[in-house]
Amino acid sequence: MKNDLFGSWRANFFTGLAIALPAIISFAVIFWLFFAVSNITDTLLVFIPRDITHEGKGLGPMHWYWSVVALTLTILLISVVGLLARNYMGKKLIQSVDTSLLRVPFLNKIYGTTKQVNEAFTSSGKSSFKTVVMVEFPRAGMYSMGFLTSEQHGEVRTKLQQDLLGVFIPTTPNPTSGFLVLVPEDEVVKLDMSVAEGIKFIISLGSISPEHVPGVPTKIPAGG
């Protein structure tokens, strides 16, 4: 009788866990993102006395609803910047601020690098992080999924006397870290799946694979 009760409870538990786990993880990620972002956006409320925004008469953490206010203010400010960037005077103002930041010692290194990385991933004319590929990694005969990031030129091409492609190979289940490898073009196999499908595949430890009509995988043609 005890074994039957335990077996029934175990079956119910794992069935309930399978149903509830996606919702639990989704809410956990949302809360984590909210508090991670609020650590930055909360500084926008520096003009409001701490005894109003924080617990314990200014000595404790910020009230959650003030964090919501700060996040909303951030969204509004970003929207205003976007609005300015869409008209002539706004573009000139943004260019002026951009030039000023690039003239500040030390800050210009960080800002300039961040700006270049952002442009590489957001520019419609670039292929960075828009193509899912497979490469032999970490050894021959063992394949890893990655994302095409760039075509390598200059010193790398001169020293090795061949065209190489930059491929970011994320770790699983956390795709925010990984390895950057330079691979000869003829050894990079292009996949038809989208970047979103590739990320799902990596996060799910390979258990979620997009549907695909069987065919011959194509390699990256010379020149990208």
N, C-alpha and C. Protein backbone atom coordinates (compact mmCIF):
# COMPACT_ATOMS: atom_id res chain seq x y z
N MET A 1 0.83 -1.21 0.00
CA MET A 1 0.00 0.00 0.00
C MET A 1 0.86 1.26 0.00
N LYS A 2 1.92 1.27 0.84
CA LYS A 2 2.80 2.43 0.92
C LYS A 2 3.51 2.65 -0.40
N ASN A 3 3.93 1.52 -1.03
CA ASN A 3 4.61 1.66 -2.32
C ASN A 3 3.68 2.22 -3.37
N ASP A 4 2.41 1.80 -3.33
CA ASP A 4 1.44 2.31 -4.30
C ASP A 4 1.20 3.80 -4.10
N LEU A 5 1.09 4.21 -2.82
CA LEU A 5 0.88 5.63 -2.52
C LEU A 5 2.08 6.47 -2.95
N PHE A 6 3.27 5.95 -2.66
CA PHE A 6 4.48 6.67 -3.03
C PHE A 6 4.62 6.76 -4.54
N GLY A 7 4.34 5.67 -5.23
CA GLY A 7 4.42 5.66 -6.68
C GLY A 7 3.42 6.63 -7.31
N SER A 8 2.20 6.69 -6.73
CA SER A 8 1.20 7.59 -7.24
C SER A 8 1.60 9.04 -7.00
N TRP A 9 2.13 9.30 -5.78
CA TRP A 9 2.58 10.67 -5.48
C TRP A 9 3.71 11.08 -6.39
N ARG A 10 4.67 10.19 -6.62
CA ARG A 10 5.81 10.50 -7.48
C ARG A 10 5.37 10.81 -8.91
N ALA A 11 4.43 10.02 -9.41
CA ALA A 11 3.92 10.24 -10.77
C ALA A 11 3.21 11.59 -10.86
N ASN A 12 2.39 11.91 -9.83
CA ASN A 12 1.69 13.19 -9.82
C ASN A 12 2.67 14.36 -9.72
N PHE A 13 3.71 14.18 -8.90
CA PHE A 13 4.68 15.25 -8.69
C PHE A 13 5.41 15.58 -9.98
N PHE A 14 5.94 14.57 -10.64
CA PHE A 14 6.71 14.81 -11.86
C PHE A 14 5.83 15.29 -13.00
N THR A 15 4.57 14.85 -13.03
CA THR A 15 3.64 15.36 -14.03
C THR A 15 3.37 16.85 -13.80
N GLY A 16 3.11 17.20 -12.52
CA GLY A 16 2.89 18.61 -12.17
C GLY A 16 4.12 19.45 -12.41
N LEU A 17 5.31 18.88 -12.11
CA LEU A 17 6.55 19.62 -12.32
C LEU A 17 6.77 19.91 -13.80
N ALA A 18 6.48 18.93 -14.65
CA ALA A 18 6.65 19.13 -16.09
C ALA A 18 5.73 20.22 -16.61
N ILE A 19 4.54 20.35 -16.02
CA ILE A 19 3.59 21.37 -16.45
C ILE A 19 3.95 22.74 -15.89
N ALA A 20 4.36 22.77 -14.61
CA ALA A 20 4.60 24.05 -13.94
C ALA A 20 5.99 24.62 -14.21
N LEU A 21 6.96 23.77 -14.55
CA LEU A 21 8.34 24.24 -14.67
C LEU A 21 8.52 25.35 -15.70
N PRO A 22 7.94 25.26 -16.90
CA PRO A 22 8.11 26.36 -17.85
C PRO A 22 7.63 27.71 -17.32
N ALA A 23 6.48 27.69 -16.61
CA ALA A 23 5.95 28.93 -16.05
C ALA A 23 6.86 29.44 -14.93
N ILE A 24 7.37 28.53 -14.09
CA ILE A 24 8.25 28.92 -12.99
C ILE A 24 9.53 29.55 -13.54
N ILE A 25 10.12 28.91 -14.55
CA ILE A 25 11.36 29.43 -15.13
C ILE A 25 11.11 30.78 -15.81
N SER A 26 9.98 30.91 -16.51
CA SER A 26 9.66 32.16 -17.19
C SER A 26 9.55 33.32 -16.20
N PHE A 27 8.81 33.11 -15.11
CA PHE A 27 8.67 34.17 -14.11
C PHE A 27 10.00 34.46 -13.43
N ALA A 28 10.79 33.41 -13.18
CA ALA A 28 12.10 33.61 -12.55
C ALA A 28 13.00 34.46 -13.43
N VAL A 29 12.99 34.20 -14.73
CA VAL A 29 13.81 34.98 -15.66
C VAL A 29 13.34 36.43 -15.71
N ILE A 30 12.01 36.63 -15.72
CA ILE A 30 11.47 37.99 -15.75
C ILE A 30 11.87 38.77 -14.51
N PHE A 31 11.74 38.14 -13.34
CA PHE A 31 12.13 38.81 -12.10
C PHE A 31 13.62 39.10 -12.08
N TRP A 32 14.43 38.15 -12.56
CA TRP A 32 15.87 38.34 -12.58
C TRP A 32 16.24 39.50 -13.48
N LEU A 33 15.63 39.57 -14.65
CA LEU A 33 15.89 40.66 -15.57
C LEU A 33 15.47 42.01 -14.97
N PHE A 34 14.30 42.01 -14.31
CA PHE A 34 13.80 43.25 -13.72
C PHE A 34 14.78 43.79 -12.69
N PHE A 35 15.23 42.93 -11.77
CA PHE A 35 16.12 43.40 -10.71
C PHE A 35 17.52 43.71 -11.26
N ALA A 36 17.95 42.97 -12.29
CA ALA A 36 19.26 43.26 -12.89
C ALA A 36 19.25 44.62 -13.58
N VAL A 37 18.18 44.90 -14.31
CA VAL A 37 18.07 46.19 -15.01
C VAL A 37 17.83 47.31 -14.01
N SER A 38 17.05 47.05 -12.98
CA SER A 38 16.74 48.10 -12.01
C SER A 38 17.97 48.57 -11.24
N ASN A 39 18.97 47.71 -11.13
CA ASN A 39 20.21 48.14 -10.47
C ASN A 39 20.87 49.28 -11.22
N ILE A 40 20.59 49.37 -12.51
CA ILE A 40 21.13 50.46 -13.33
C ILE A 40 20.17 51.63 -13.40
N THR A 41 18.91 51.32 -13.68
CA THR A 41 17.93 52.39 -13.89
C THR A 41 17.56 53.13 -12.61
N ASP A 42 17.75 52.51 -11.45
CA ASP A 42 17.41 53.17 -10.19
C ASP A 42 18.18 54.46 -9.99
N THR A 43 19.37 54.57 -10.63
CA THR A 43 20.18 55.78 -10.46
C THR A 43 19.52 57.01 -11.07
N LEU A 44 18.53 56.81 -11.93
CA LEU A 44 17.83 57.96 -12.53
C LEU A 44 17.02 58.74 -11.50
N LEU A 45 16.73 58.11 -10.37
CA LEU A 45 15.92 58.76 -9.34
C LEU A 45 16.78 59.41 -8.26
N VAL A 46 18.02 59.74 -8.62
CA VAL A 46 18.94 60.33 -7.65
C VAL A 46 18.45 61.69 -7.18
N PHE A 47 17.60 62.34 -7.96
CA PHE A 47 17.10 63.67 -7.59
C PHE A 47 15.98 63.60 -6.55
N ILE A 48 15.47 62.42 -6.24
CA ILE A 48 14.42 62.25 -5.24
C ILE A 48 15.07 61.83 -3.92
N PRO A 49 14.72 62.44 -2.80
CA PRO A 49 15.32 62.09 -1.50
C PRO A 49 15.23 60.59 -1.21
N ARG A 50 16.30 60.04 -0.65
CA ARG A 50 16.36 58.60 -0.38
C ARG A 50 15.32 58.16 0.65
N ASP A 51 14.96 59.04 1.56
CA ASP A 51 13.99 58.63 2.57
C ASP A 51 12.60 58.42 1.98
N ILE A 52 12.40 58.87 0.73
CA ILE A 52 11.14 58.64 0.04
C ILE A 52 11.20 57.37 -0.80
N THR A 53 12.31 57.18 -1.49
CA THR A 53 12.43 56.06 -2.43
C THR A 53 12.92 54.76 -1.78
N HIS A 54 13.58 54.86 -0.63
CA HIS A 54 14.17 53.67 -0.01
C HIS A 54 13.51 53.33 1.32
N GLU A 55 13.62 52.08 1.67
CA GLU A 55 13.08 51.60 2.94
C GLU A 55 13.97 52.06 4.09
N GLY A 56 13.44 51.96 5.31
CA GLY A 56 14.21 52.30 6.50
C GLY A 56 14.70 53.72 6.52
N LYS A 57 13.84 54.64 6.09
CA LYS A 57 14.18 56.06 6.08
C LYS A 57 15.44 56.36 5.28
N GLY A 58 15.58 55.67 4.15
CA GLY A 58 16.71 55.93 3.26
C GLY A 58 17.89 55.02 3.44
N LEU A 59 17.85 54.17 4.45
CA LEU A 59 18.99 53.29 4.74
C LEU A 59 18.84 51.91 4.10
N GLY A 60 17.64 51.54 3.75
CA GLY A 60 17.40 50.21 3.19
C GLY A 60 17.37 50.21 1.67
N PRO A 61 16.96 49.09 1.08
CA PRO A 61 16.87 49.02 -0.40
C PRO A 61 15.72 49.86 -0.93
N MET A 62 15.74 50.13 -2.22
CA MET A 62 14.70 50.93 -2.84
C MET A 62 13.39 50.15 -2.90
N HIS A 63 12.28 50.84 -2.68
CA HIS A 63 10.97 50.22 -2.82
C HIS A 63 10.78 49.75 -4.26
N TRP A 64 10.17 48.59 -4.42
CA TRP A 64 10.05 48.00 -5.75
C TRP A 64 9.25 48.90 -6.71
N TYR A 65 8.27 49.62 -6.18
CA TYR A 65 7.45 50.44 -7.07
C TYR A 65 8.23 51.65 -7.59
N TRP A 66 9.22 52.11 -6.83
CA TRP A 66 10.07 53.18 -7.34
C TRP A 66 11.01 52.64 -8.43
N SER A 67 11.38 51.38 -8.32
CA SER A 67 12.17 50.75 -9.38
C SER A 67 11.37 50.68 -10.67
N VAL A 68 10.06 50.42 -10.55
CA VAL A 68 9.18 50.40 -11.72
C VAL A 68 9.13 51.80 -12.34
N VAL A 69 9.05 52.84 -11.48
CA VAL A 69 9.05 54.22 -11.97
C VAL A 69 10.34 54.51 -12.72
N ALA A 70 11.48 54.08 -12.15
CA ALA A 70 12.77 54.32 -12.80
C ALA A 70 12.86 53.60 -14.14
N LEU A 71 12.36 52.38 -14.19
CA LEU A 71 12.38 51.62 -15.44
C LEU A 71 11.49 52.28 -16.50
N THR A 72 10.32 52.75 -16.07
CA THR A 72 9.41 53.45 -17.00
C THR A 72 10.05 54.73 -17.52
N LEU A 73 10.73 55.46 -16.63
CA LEU A 73 11.42 56.69 -17.03
C LEU A 73 12.52 56.39 -18.04
N THR A 74 13.22 55.29 -17.84
CA THR A 74 14.28 54.88 -18.77
C THR A 74 13.71 54.60 -20.15
N ILE A 75 12.59 53.89 -20.19
CA ILE A 75 11.94 53.57 -21.47
C ILE A 75 11.53 54.84 -22.19
N LEU A 76 10.98 55.79 -21.43
CA LEU A 76 10.56 57.06 -22.02
C LEU A 76 11.75 57.86 -22.57
N LEU A 77 12.85 57.88 -21.82
CA LEU A 77 14.03 58.61 -22.26
C LEU A 77 14.62 57.99 -23.53
N ILE A 78 14.66 56.65 -23.57
CA ILE A 78 15.18 55.97 -24.76
C ILE A 78 14.28 56.26 -25.96
N SER A 79 12.98 56.30 -25.72
CA SER A 79 12.04 56.63 -26.80
C SER A 79 12.27 58.04 -27.32
N VAL A 80 12.57 58.97 -26.40
CA VAL A 80 12.84 60.35 -26.80
C VAL A 80 14.10 60.42 -27.66
N VAL A 81 15.14 59.66 -27.26
CA VAL A 81 16.37 59.61 -28.05
C VAL A 81 16.09 59.07 -29.45
N GLY A 82 15.25 58.03 -29.52
CA GLY A 82 14.88 57.47 -30.81
C GLY A 82 14.12 58.47 -31.66
N LEU A 83 13.26 59.26 -31.02
CA LEU A 83 12.50 60.29 -31.73
C LEU A 83 13.43 61.36 -32.27
N LEU A 84 14.40 61.77 -31.46
CA LEU A 84 15.36 62.79 -31.89
C LEU A 84 16.19 62.29 -33.07
N ALA A 85 16.55 61.00 -33.03
CA ALA A 85 17.40 60.43 -34.08
C ALA A 85 16.71 60.37 -35.43
N ARG A 86 15.40 60.61 -35.44
CA ARG A 86 14.64 60.51 -36.69
C ARG A 86 14.38 61.86 -37.34
N ASN A 87 14.94 62.95 -36.77
CA ASN A 87 14.81 64.25 -37.41
C ASN A 87 16.18 64.93 -37.48
N TYR A 88 16.29 65.93 -38.33
CA TYR A 88 17.60 66.53 -38.65
C TYR A 88 18.27 67.14 -37.42
N MET A 89 17.55 67.96 -36.67
CA MET A 89 18.14 68.63 -35.51
C MET A 89 18.54 67.62 -34.45
N GLY A 90 17.71 66.60 -34.28
CA GLY A 90 18.04 65.57 -33.30
C GLY A 90 19.30 64.82 -33.68
N LYS A 91 19.46 64.52 -34.96
CA LYS A 91 20.66 63.81 -35.43
C LYS A 91 21.90 64.64 -35.17
N LYS A 92 21.80 65.94 -35.42
CA LYS A 92 22.94 66.82 -35.17
C LYS A 92 23.29 66.87 -33.69
N LEU A 93 22.26 66.90 -32.84
CA LEU A 93 22.49 66.92 -31.40
C LEU A 93 23.16 65.63 -30.94
N ILE A 94 22.69 64.50 -31.43
CA ILE A 94 23.26 63.20 -31.05
C ILE A 94 24.70 63.10 -31.55
N GLN A 95 24.96 63.59 -32.77
CA GLN A 95 26.32 63.57 -33.30
C GLN A 95 27.25 64.43 -32.46
N SER A 96 26.74 65.56 -31.96
CA SER A 96 27.54 66.44 -31.11
C SER A 96 27.91 65.76 -29.79
N VAL A 97 26.91 65.09 -29.18
CA VAL A 97 27.16 64.35 -27.93
C VAL A 97 28.13 63.21 -28.18
N ASP A 98 27.95 62.53 -29.31
CA ASP A 98 28.81 61.41 -29.68
C ASP A 98 30.25 61.87 -29.83
N THR A 99 30.45 62.98 -30.51
CA THR A 99 31.80 63.52 -30.70
C THR A 99 32.42 63.93 -29.37
N SER A 100 31.62 64.52 -28.50
CA SER A 100 32.13 64.95 -27.19
C SER A 100 32.59 63.76 -26.36
N LEU A 101 31.81 62.67 -26.36
CA LEU A 101 32.17 61.48 -25.59
C LEU A 101 33.45 60.85 -26.13
N LEU A 102 33.64 60.89 -27.44
CA LEU A 102 34.82 60.29 -28.04
C LEU A 102 36.08 61.11 -27.79
N ARG A 103 35.93 62.32 -27.25
CA ARG A 103 37.09 63.16 -26.94
C ARG A 103 37.52 63.06 -25.48
N VAL A 104 36.72 62.38 -24.66
CA VAL A 104 37.05 62.25 -23.24
C VAL A 104 38.04 61.10 -23.07
N PRO A 105 39.22 61.37 -22.49
CA PRO A 105 40.22 60.31 -22.30
C PRO A 105 39.66 59.14 -21.48
N PHE A 106 40.08 57.93 -21.83
CA PHE A 106 39.68 56.67 -21.21
C PHE A 106 38.22 56.32 -21.53
N LEU A 107 37.31 57.28 -21.31
CA LEU A 107 35.91 57.03 -21.64
C LEU A 107 35.75 56.76 -23.13
N ASN A 108 36.55 57.45 -23.95
CA ASN A 108 36.41 57.26 -25.40
C ASN A 108 36.77 55.84 -25.83
N LYS A 109 37.66 55.17 -25.10
CA LYS A 109 38.01 53.78 -25.43
C LYS A 109 36.83 52.86 -25.19
N ILE A 110 36.20 53.02 -24.03
CA ILE A 110 35.06 52.17 -23.69
C ILE A 110 33.88 52.48 -24.59
N TYR A 111 33.58 53.77 -24.75
CA TYR A 111 32.43 54.18 -25.56
C TYR A 111 32.63 53.80 -27.03
N GLY A 112 33.82 54.03 -27.54
CA GLY A 112 34.09 53.72 -28.94
C GLY A 112 33.97 52.23 -29.24
N THR A 113 34.52 51.41 -28.34
CA THR A 113 34.44 49.96 -28.54
C THR A 113 33.00 49.48 -28.45
N THR A 114 32.27 49.98 -27.46
CA THR A 114 30.86 49.59 -27.30
C THR A 114 30.04 50.00 -28.51
N LYS A 115 30.32 51.18 -29.03
CA LYS A 115 29.60 51.69 -30.20
C LYS A 115 29.86 50.81 -31.42
N GLN A 116 31.11 50.40 -31.61
CA GLN A 116 31.46 49.54 -32.74
C GLN A 116 30.78 48.19 -32.65
N VAL A 117 30.78 47.60 -31.44
CA VAL A 117 30.13 46.30 -31.24
C VAL A 117 28.63 46.41 -31.50
N ASN A 118 28.03 47.49 -30.98
CA ASN A 118 26.60 47.69 -31.18
C ASN A 118 26.26 47.84 -32.66
N GLU A 119 27.07 48.60 -33.40
CA GLU A 119 26.83 48.78 -34.82
C GLU A 119 27.00 47.48 -35.59
N ALA A 120 27.93 46.65 -35.14
CA ALA A 120 28.18 45.38 -35.82
C ALA A 120 26.98 44.46 -35.72
N PHE A 121 26.26 44.52 -34.59
CA PHE A 121 25.14 43.61 -34.38
C PHE A 121 23.80 44.20 -34.82
N THR A 122 23.74 45.51 -35.02
CA THR A 122 22.45 46.12 -35.37
C THR A 122 22.38 46.61 -36.80
N SER A 123 23.52 46.77 -37.44
CA SER A 123 23.52 47.26 -38.81
C SER A 123 22.90 46.24 -39.75
N SER A 124 21.96 46.71 -40.59
CA SER A 124 21.28 45.80 -41.52
C SER A 124 22.20 45.34 -42.63
N GLY A 125 23.30 46.04 -42.84
CA GLY A 125 24.20 45.67 -43.91
C GLY A 125 25.25 44.65 -43.51
N LYS A 126 25.25 44.24 -42.27
CA LYS A 126 26.25 43.29 -41.80
C LYS A 126 25.59 41.95 -41.50
N SER A 127 26.41 40.88 -41.59
CA SER A 127 25.90 39.53 -41.37
C SER A 127 26.18 39.03 -39.96
N SER A 128 26.75 39.90 -39.09
CA SER A 128 27.13 39.49 -37.75
C SER A 128 25.96 38.91 -36.98
N PHE A 129 26.18 37.71 -36.47
CA PHE A 129 25.22 37.06 -35.59
C PHE A 129 23.87 36.83 -36.27
N LYS A 130 23.85 36.74 -37.60
CA LYS A 130 22.60 36.50 -38.31
C LYS A 130 22.58 35.14 -38.99
N THR A 131 23.69 34.40 -38.88
CA THR A 131 23.80 33.11 -39.54
C THR A 131 24.24 32.05 -38.55
N VAL A 132 23.52 30.94 -38.51
CA VAL A 132 23.87 29.81 -37.65
C VAL A 132 24.75 28.87 -38.46
N VAL A 133 25.86 28.44 -37.87
CA VAL A 133 26.80 27.58 -38.58
C VAL A 133 27.23 26.42 -37.69
N MET A 134 27.89 25.45 -38.31
CA MET A 134 28.52 24.35 -37.59
C MET A 134 30.00 24.31 -37.95
N VAL A 135 30.83 24.08 -36.94
CA VAL A 135 32.27 23.95 -37.15
C VAL A 135 32.77 22.77 -36.32
N GLU A 136 33.90 22.23 -36.74
CA GLU A 136 34.51 21.14 -35.97
C GLU A 136 35.20 21.74 -34.76
N PHE A 137 34.64 21.51 -33.60
CA PHE A 137 35.14 22.07 -32.35
C PHE A 137 34.59 21.24 -31.20
N PRO A 138 35.39 20.87 -30.19
CA PRO A 138 36.78 21.30 -29.92
C PRO A 138 37.85 20.45 -30.60
N ARG A 139 37.45 19.47 -31.40
CA ARG A 139 38.44 18.68 -32.13
C ARG A 139 37.83 18.21 -33.43
N ALA A 140 38.65 17.72 -34.33
CA ALA A 140 38.19 17.20 -35.61
C ALA A 140 37.23 16.03 -35.39
N GLY A 141 36.12 16.03 -36.13
CA GLY A 141 35.14 14.96 -36.00
C GLY A 141 34.07 15.23 -34.98
N MET A 142 34.23 16.30 -34.18
CA MET A 142 33.23 16.68 -33.19
C MET A 142 32.73 18.08 -33.56
N TYR A 143 31.42 18.21 -33.79
CA TYR A 143 30.86 19.46 -34.28
C TYR A 143 30.18 20.26 -33.19
N SER A 144 30.30 21.58 -33.28
CA SER A 144 29.62 22.50 -32.38
C SER A 144 28.86 23.52 -33.19
N MET A 145 27.73 23.96 -32.64
CA MET A 145 26.93 24.99 -33.30
C MET A 145 27.40 26.36 -32.85
N GLY A 146 27.45 27.29 -33.79
CA GLY A 146 27.87 28.64 -33.46
C GLY A 146 27.19 29.66 -34.34
N PHE A 147 27.62 30.91 -34.20
CA PHE A 147 27.04 32.02 -34.96
C PHE A 147 28.16 32.78 -35.67
N LEU A 148 27.94 33.01 -36.94
CA LEU A 148 28.92 33.75 -37.73
C LEU A 148 28.96 35.19 -37.25
N THR A 149 30.15 35.70 -36.92
CA THR A 149 30.26 37.05 -36.39
C THR A 149 31.00 38.00 -37.31
N SER A 150 31.99 37.49 -38.06
CA SER A 150 32.75 38.42 -38.90
C SER A 150 33.63 37.66 -39.87
N GLU A 151 34.12 38.41 -40.85
CA GLU A 151 35.17 37.92 -41.75
C GLU A 151 36.47 38.55 -41.30
N GLN A 152 37.48 37.75 -41.11
CA GLN A 152 38.75 38.25 -40.61
C GLN A 152 39.65 38.67 -41.77
N HIS A 153 40.21 39.87 -41.65
CA HIS A 153 41.11 40.38 -42.68
C HIS A 153 42.39 40.87 -42.00
N GLY A 154 43.16 41.66 -42.71
CA GLY A 154 44.32 42.29 -42.12
C GLY A 154 45.38 41.32 -41.68
N GLU A 155 45.86 41.50 -40.44
CA GLU A 155 47.01 40.75 -39.94
C GLU A 155 46.76 39.24 -39.93
N VAL A 156 45.55 38.83 -39.48
CA VAL A 156 45.25 37.40 -39.40
C VAL A 156 45.36 36.75 -40.77
N ARG A 157 44.76 37.37 -41.76
CA ARG A 157 44.79 36.83 -43.12
C ARG A 157 46.20 36.82 -43.69
N THR A 158 46.98 37.88 -43.41
CA THR A 158 48.34 37.97 -43.92
C THR A 158 49.24 36.91 -43.30
N LYS A 159 49.12 36.73 -41.99
CA LYS A 159 50.00 35.79 -41.30
C LYS A 159 49.68 34.34 -41.67
N LEU A 160 48.40 34.01 -41.84
CA LEU A 160 48.01 32.63 -42.10
C LEU A 160 47.81 32.32 -43.58
N GLN A 161 47.77 33.36 -44.39
CA GLN A 161 47.64 33.19 -45.84
C GLN A 161 46.37 32.43 -46.22
N GLN A 162 45.27 32.73 -45.55
CA GLN A 162 43.99 32.13 -45.89
C GLN A 162 42.85 32.97 -45.31
N ASP A 163 41.68 32.81 -45.91
CA ASP A 163 40.51 33.55 -45.44
C ASP A 163 39.87 32.80 -44.28
N LEU A 164 39.64 33.51 -43.19
CA LEU A 164 39.05 32.93 -42.01
C LEU A 164 37.76 33.65 -41.65
N LEU A 165 36.83 32.93 -41.04
CA LEU A 165 35.59 33.50 -40.55
C LEU A 165 35.57 33.43 -39.03
N GLY A 166 35.08 34.50 -38.40
CA GLY A 166 34.93 34.50 -36.96
C GLY A 166 33.62 33.82 -36.59
N VAL A 167 33.69 32.84 -35.70
CA VAL A 167 32.51 32.10 -35.25
C VAL A 167 32.46 32.11 -33.73
N PHE A 168 31.33 32.55 -33.19
CA PHE A 168 31.12 32.52 -31.74
C PHE A 168 30.40 31.23 -31.38
N ILE A 169 31.02 30.42 -30.53
CA ILE A 169 30.43 29.16 -30.09
C ILE A 169 29.98 29.32 -28.64
N PRO A 170 28.67 29.47 -28.40
CA PRO A 170 28.18 29.69 -27.03
C PRO A 170 28.19 28.41 -26.21
N THR A 171 28.26 28.58 -24.91
CA THR A 171 28.15 27.45 -24.00
C THR A 171 26.68 27.13 -23.75
N THR A 172 26.41 25.99 -23.21
CA THR A 172 25.04 25.58 -22.93
C THR A 172 24.94 25.15 -21.47
N PRO A 173 23.83 25.49 -20.76
CA PRO A 173 22.62 26.14 -21.26
C PRO A 173 22.67 27.67 -21.22
N ASN A 174 23.81 28.25 -20.84
CA ASN A 174 23.94 29.70 -20.76
C ASN A 174 24.69 30.21 -22.00
N PRO A 175 23.99 30.76 -22.99
CA PRO A 175 24.63 31.15 -24.23
C PRO A 175 25.33 32.51 -24.19
N THR A 176 25.38 33.15 -23.01
CA THR A 176 26.01 34.47 -22.94
C THR A 176 27.53 34.38 -22.83
N SER A 177 28.07 33.19 -22.63
CA SER A 177 29.52 33.00 -22.63
C SER A 177 29.86 31.93 -23.66
N GLY A 178 31.11 31.88 -24.04
CA GLY A 178 31.47 30.90 -25.05
C GLY A 178 32.88 31.12 -25.57
N PHE A 179 33.12 30.69 -26.80
CA PHE A 179 34.44 30.74 -27.40
C PHE A 179 34.36 31.43 -28.76
N LEU A 180 35.37 32.23 -29.06
CA LEU A 180 35.50 32.82 -30.39
C LEU A 180 36.59 32.06 -31.12
N VAL A 181 36.24 31.44 -32.25
CA VAL A 181 37.21 30.68 -33.03
C VAL A 181 37.27 31.24 -34.44
N LEU A 182 38.44 31.17 -35.05
CA LEU A 182 38.65 31.60 -36.43
C LEU A 182 38.80 30.35 -37.28
N VAL A 183 37.88 30.17 -38.20
CA VAL A 183 37.80 28.92 -38.95
C VAL A 183 37.92 29.20 -40.45
N PRO A 184 38.68 28.38 -41.19
CA PRO A 184 38.74 28.55 -42.65
C PRO A 184 37.35 28.48 -43.26
N GLU A 185 37.12 29.28 -44.28
CA GLU A 185 35.79 29.38 -44.88
C GLU A 185 35.24 28.04 -45.33
N ASP A 186 36.09 27.19 -45.92
CA ASP A 186 35.61 25.93 -46.45
C ASP A 186 35.31 24.89 -45.39
N GLU A 187 35.55 25.24 -44.11
CA GLU A 187 35.25 24.33 -43.01
C GLU A 187 34.04 24.78 -42.20
N VAL A 188 33.41 25.86 -42.64
CA VAL A 188 32.22 26.38 -41.97
C VAL A 188 30.98 25.91 -42.71
N VAL A 189 30.10 25.20 -42.02
CA VAL A 189 28.87 24.68 -42.61
C VAL A 189 27.70 25.56 -42.19
N LYS A 190 27.05 26.16 -43.16
CA LYS A 190 25.92 27.04 -42.88
C LYS A 190 24.66 26.23 -42.67
N LEU A 191 23.88 26.61 -41.63
CA LEU A 191 22.61 25.95 -41.34
C LEU A 191 21.45 26.85 -41.75
N ASP A 192 20.30 26.25 -42.02
CA ASP A 192 19.13 27.01 -42.46
C ASP A 192 18.31 27.58 -41.30
N MET A 193 18.54 27.09 -40.09
CA MET A 193 17.76 27.56 -38.95
C MET A 193 18.07 29.01 -38.63
N SER A 194 17.10 29.70 -38.04
CA SER A 194 17.29 31.09 -37.65
C SER A 194 18.13 31.18 -36.37
N VAL A 195 18.58 32.40 -36.05
CA VAL A 195 19.35 32.60 -34.83
C VAL A 195 18.52 32.23 -33.60
N ALA A 196 17.22 32.61 -33.60
CA ALA A 196 16.34 32.28 -32.47
C ALA A 196 16.24 30.77 -32.29
N GLU A 197 16.11 30.03 -33.40
CA GLU A 197 16.04 28.57 -33.32
C GLU A 197 17.35 27.99 -32.83
N GLY A 198 18.47 28.60 -33.26
CA GLY A 198 19.77 28.13 -32.79
C GLY A 198 19.95 28.33 -31.30
N ILE A 199 19.49 29.48 -30.79
CA ILE A 199 19.61 29.75 -29.36
C ILE A 199 18.73 28.79 -28.57
N LYS A 200 17.52 28.51 -29.07
CA LYS A 200 16.64 27.54 -28.41
C LYS A 200 17.31 26.17 -28.34
N PHE A 201 17.94 25.78 -29.43
CA PHE A 201 18.62 24.48 -29.48
C PHE A 201 19.72 24.40 -28.43
N ILE A 202 20.46 25.50 -28.27
CA ILE A 202 21.57 25.52 -27.31
C ILE A 202 21.07 25.54 -25.88
N ILE A 203 20.09 26.41 -25.59
CA ILE A 203 19.57 26.52 -24.23
C ILE A 203 18.90 25.23 -23.77
N SER A 204 18.24 24.53 -24.71
CA SER A 204 17.52 23.29 -24.36
C SER A 204 18.43 22.08 -24.34
N LEU A 205 19.74 22.30 -24.44
CA LEU A 205 20.73 21.21 -24.47
C LEU A 205 20.50 20.28 -25.66
N GLY A 206 19.98 20.85 -26.74
CA GLY A 206 19.78 20.09 -27.96
C GLY A 206 18.48 19.34 -28.04
N SER A 207 17.61 19.49 -27.02
CA SER A 207 16.36 18.74 -27.01
C SER A 207 15.29 19.38 -27.89
N ILE A 208 15.42 20.69 -28.18
CA ILE A 208 14.48 21.37 -29.06
C ILE A 208 15.17 21.65 -30.39
N SER A 209 14.83 20.88 -31.38
CA SER A 209 15.45 21.01 -32.69
C SER A 209 14.42 21.47 -33.70
N PRO A 210 14.70 22.52 -34.46
CA PRO A 210 13.72 23.02 -35.44
C PRO A 210 13.48 22.02 -36.56
N GLU A 211 12.27 22.05 -37.11
CA GLU A 211 11.95 21.16 -38.22
C GLU A 211 12.74 21.57 -39.45
N HIS A 212 13.15 20.57 -40.20
CA HIS A 212 13.96 20.85 -41.38
C HIS A 212 13.77 19.74 -42.39
N VAL A 213 13.59 20.14 -43.65
CA VAL A 213 13.48 19.17 -44.73
C VAL A 213 14.87 18.63 -45.01
N PRO A 214 15.06 17.30 -44.97
CA PRO A 214 16.41 16.73 -45.18
C PRO A 214 17.03 17.21 -46.48
N GLY A 215 18.27 17.55 -46.39
CA GLY A 215 18.99 18.03 -47.57
C GLY A 215 20.47 18.07 -47.28
N VAL A 216 21.25 18.52 -48.24
CA VAL A 216 22.69 18.60 -48.09
C VAL A 216 23.06 19.94 -47.48
N PRO A 217 23.76 19.96 -46.33
CA PRO A 217 24.15 21.24 -45.73
C PRO A 217 25.12 21.97 -46.65
N THR A 218 24.98 23.28 -46.65
CA THR A 218 25.84 24.09 -47.53
C THR A 218 26.94 24.73 -46.73
N LYS A 219 28.08 24.92 -47.40
CA LYS A 219 29.20 25.58 -46.75
C LYS A 219 29.23 27.05 -47.15
N ILE A 220 29.84 27.86 -46.31
CA ILE A 220 29.93 29.29 -46.59
C ILE A 220 30.75 29.50 -47.86
N PRO A 221 30.19 30.18 -48.85
CA PRO A 221 30.94 30.42 -50.08
C PRO A 221 32.08 31.38 -49.83
N ALA A 222 33.05 31.35 -50.68
CA ALA A 222 34.21 32.25 -50.55
C ALA A 222 33.75 33.69 -50.59
N GLY A 223 34.26 34.51 -49.67
CA GLY A 223 33.88 35.92 -49.61
C GLY A 223 32.75 36.20 -48.67
N GLY A 224 32.26 35.15 -47.88
CA GLY A 224 31.23 35.39 -46.87
C GLY A 224 29.92 34.79 -47.24
